Amino acid sequence: MADTRRLLTGLREYHATLTRHHAVLRDEYLVLERRYHALQHVYEGDAAEQFKAGWTRTHATFREYMDRGQVIQHLLAERIDALEAANRPDGDLG
């Protein structure tokens, strides 16, 4: 029989780590985004257009990564709630 308490502990740690990871990424990305917008106002020409296209792809990929991470965080929270209910001393799953 699996020890659901160990699984619960692992899921909580994973959820906390993922939450911290996304918070750090979001903060660092905001700094990078501000710098890009400042550069965008002074950078011109073909190189600027190529850079803009690359930035647009990077932005879309970053948003997708963050969105998928939020889905994982939500699923983890649901599983944590379910395991907490299963581990209640009274055995009440509701």
C-alpha atoms as a PDB file:
ATOM      1  CA  MET A   1       0.000   0.000   0.000  1.00  0.00           C
ATOM      2  CA  ALA A   2       1.346   3.432  -0.918  1.00  0.00           C
ATOM      3  CA  ASP A   3       2.065   5.905   1.845  1.00  0.00           C
ATOM      4  CA  THR A   4      -0.158   8.800   0.824  1.00  0.00           C
ATOM      5  CA  ARG A   5       1.466  11.058   3.419  1.00  0.00           C
ATOM      6  CA  ARG A   6       4.789  10.816   1.581  1.00  0.00           C
ATOM      7  CA  LEU A   7       3.035  11.506  -1.700  1.00  0.00           C
ATOM      8  CA  LEU A   8       1.239  14.474  -0.132  1.00  0.00           C
ATOM      9  CA  THR A   9       4.516  15.880   1.171  1.00  0.00           C
ATOM     10  CA  GLY A  10       6.113  15.510  -2.261  1.00  0.00           C
ATOM     11  CA  LEU A  11       3.185  17.163  -4.027  1.00  0.00           C
ATOM     12  CA  ARG A  12       3.211  20.066  -1.579  1.00  0.00           C
ATOM     13  CA  GLU A  13       6.954  20.559  -2.130  1.00  0.00           C
ATOM     14  CA  TYR A  14       6.559  20.349  -5.904  1.00  0.00           C
ATOM     15  CA  HIS A  15       3.667  22.829  -5.835  1.00  0.00           C
ATOM     16  CA  ALA A  16       5.657  25.274  -3.686  1.00  0.00           C
ATOM     17  CA  THR A  17       8.729  24.944  -5.903  1.00  0.00           C
ATOM     18  CA  LEU A  18       6.708  25.461  -9.074  1.00  0.00           C
ATOM     19  CA  THR A  19       4.970  28.490  -7.543  1.00  0.00           C
ATOM     20  CA  ARG A  20       8.305  30.065  -6.574  1.00  0.00           C
ATOM     21  CA  HIS A  21       9.776  29.243  -9.991  1.00  0.00           C
ATOM     22  CA  HIS A  22       6.923  30.976 -11.791  1.00  0.00           C
ATOM     23  CA  ALA A  23       7.079  34.009  -9.500  1.00  0.00           C
ATOM     24  CA  VAL A  24      10.812  34.446 -10.184  1.00  0.00           C
ATOM     25  CA  LEU A  25      10.345  33.950 -13.921  1.00  0.00           C
ATOM     26  CA  ARG A  26       7.464  36.427 -14.031  1.00  0.00           C
ATOM     27  CA  ASP A  27       9.504  39.073 -12.176  1.00  0.00           C
ATOM     28  CA  GLU A  28      12.588  38.565 -14.336  1.00  0.00           C
ATOM     29  CA  TYR A  29      10.511  38.588 -17.505  1.00  0.00           C
ATOM     30  CA  LEU A  30       8.899  41.897 -16.537  1.00  0.00           C
ATOM     31  CA  VAL A  31      12.362  43.450 -16.197  1.00  0.00           C
ATOM     32  CA  LEU A  32      13.347  42.066 -19.589  1.00  0.00           C
ATOM     33  CA  GLU A  33      10.094  43.270 -21.144  1.00  0.00           C
ATOM     34  CA  ARG A  34      10.624  46.815 -19.832  1.00  0.00           C
ATOM     35  CA  ARG A  35      14.123  46.823 -21.296  1.00  0.00           C
ATOM     36  CA  TYR A  36      12.823  45.601 -24.639  1.00  0.00           C
ATOM     37  CA  HIS A  37      10.203  48.345 -24.752  1.00  0.00           C
ATOM     38  CA  ALA A  38      12.856  50.975 -23.959  1.00  0.00           C
ATOM     39  CA  LEU A  39      15.080  49.570 -26.720  1.00  0.00           C
ATOM     40  CA  GLN A  40      12.195  49.418 -29.152  1.00  0.00           C
ATOM     41  CA  HIS A  41      11.870  53.212 -29.105  1.00  0.00           C
ATOM     42  CA  VAL A  42      15.471  53.820 -30.194  1.00  0.00           C
ATOM     43  CA  TYR A  43      16.300  50.745 -32.299  1.00  0.00           C
ATOM     44  CA  GLU A  44      15.413  51.047 -35.984  1.00  0.00           C
ATOM     45  CA  GLY A  45      15.991  49.382 -39.314  1.00  0.00           C
ATOM     46  CA  ASP A  46      16.017  45.826 -40.579  1.00  0.00           C
ATOM     47  CA  ALA A  47      17.818  44.493 -37.502  1.00  0.00           C
ATOM     48  CA  ALA A  48      15.145  46.067 -35.297  1.00  0.00           C
ATOM     49  CA  GLU A  49      12.402  44.380 -37.314  1.00  0.00           C
ATOM     50  CA  GLN A  50      14.130  41.002 -37.043  1.00  0.00           C
ATOM     51  CA  PHE A  51      14.621  41.507 -33.331  1.00  0.00           C
ATOM     52  CA  LYS A  52      10.947  42.454 -32.972  1.00  0.00           C
ATOM     53  CA  ALA A  53       9.883  39.258 -34.749  1.00  0.00           C
ATOM     54  CA  GLY A  54      12.100  37.214 -32.443  1.00  0.00           C
ATOM     55  CA  TRP A  55      10.761  39.022 -29.398  1.00  0.00           C
ATOM     56  CA  THR A  56       7.193  38.348 -30.483  1.00  0.00           C
ATOM     57  CA  ARG A  57       7.933  34.613 -30.728  1.00  0.00           C
ATOM     58  CA  THR A  58       9.714  34.660 -27.377  1.00  0.00           C
ATOM     59  CA  HIS A  59       6.795  36.465 -25.745  1.00  0.00           C
ATOM     60  CA  ALA A  60       4.275  33.954 -27.122  1.00  0.00           C
ATOM     61  CA  THR A  61       6.389  31.006 -25.992  1.00  0.00           C
ATOM     62  CA  PHE A  62       6.837  32.505 -22.534  1.00  0.00           C
ATOM     63  CA  ARG A  63       3.084  33.094 -22.155  1.00  0.00           C
ATOM     64  CA  GLU A  64       2.373  29.514 -23.215  1.00  0.00           C
ATOM     65  CA  TYR A  65       4.915  28.182 -20.724  1.00  0.00           C
ATOM     66  CA  MET A  66       3.445  30.251 -17.894  1.00  0.00           C
ATOM     67  CA  ASP A  67      -0.128  29.308 -18.810  1.00  0.00           C
ATOM     68  CA  ARG A  68       0.704  25.609 -18.853  1.00  0.00           C
ATOM     69  CA  GLY A  69       2.499  25.965 -15.551  1.00  0.00           C
ATOM     70  CA  GLN A  70      -0.625  27.482 -14.030  1.00  0.00           C
ATOM     71  CA  VAL A  71      -2.635  24.499 -15.245  1.00  0.00           C
ATOM     72  CA  ILE A  72      -0.141  22.185 -13.544  1.00  0.00           C
ATOM     73  CA  GLN A  73      -0.301  24.256 -10.354  1.00  0.00           C
ATOM     74  CA  HIS A  74      -4.091  24.007 -10.366  1.00  0.00           C
ATOM     75  CA  LEU A  75      -4.005  20.238 -10.895  1.00  0.00           C
ATOM     76  CA  LEU A  76      -1.466  19.839  -8.112  1.00  0.00           C
ATOM     77  CA  ALA A  77      -3.656  21.889  -5.765  1.00  0.00           C
ATOM     78  CA  GLU A  78      -6.619  19.633  -6.572  1.00  0.00           C
ATOM     79  CA  ARG A  79      -4.574  16.482  -5.912  1.00  0.00           C
ATOM     80  CA  ILE A  80      -3.227  17.950  -2.674  1.00  0.00           C
ATOM     81  CA  ASP A  81      -6.765  18.733  -1.511  1.00  0.00           C
ATOM     82  CA  ALA A  82      -7.905  15.208  -2.365  1.00  0.00           C
ATOM     83  CA  LEU A  83      -4.992  13.598  -0.514  1.00  0.00           C
ATOM     84  CA  GLU A  84      -5.523  15.840   2.498  1.00  0.00           C
ATOM     85  CA  ALA A  85      -9.151  14.694   2.589  1.00  0.00           C
ATOM     86  CA  ALA A  86      -8.088  11.049   2.295  1.00  0.00           C
ATOM     87  CA  ASN A  87      -5.602  11.457   5.149  1.00  0.00           C
ATOM     88  CA  ARG A  88      -8.091  12.983   7.602  1.00  0.00           C
ATOM     89  CA  PRO A  89      -8.242  10.940  10.807  1.00  0.00           C
ATOM     90  CA  ASP A  90     -11.992  10.548  10.483  1.00  0.00           C
ATOM     91  CA  GLY A  91     -11.552   9.172   6.969  1.00  0.00           C
ATOM     92  CA  ASP A  92     -14.138  11.596   5.611  1.00  0.00           C
ATOM     93  CA  LEU A  93     -13.455  12.128   1.910  1.00  0.00           C
ATOM     94  CA  GLY A  94     -16.203  14.740   1.565  1.00  0.00           C
END
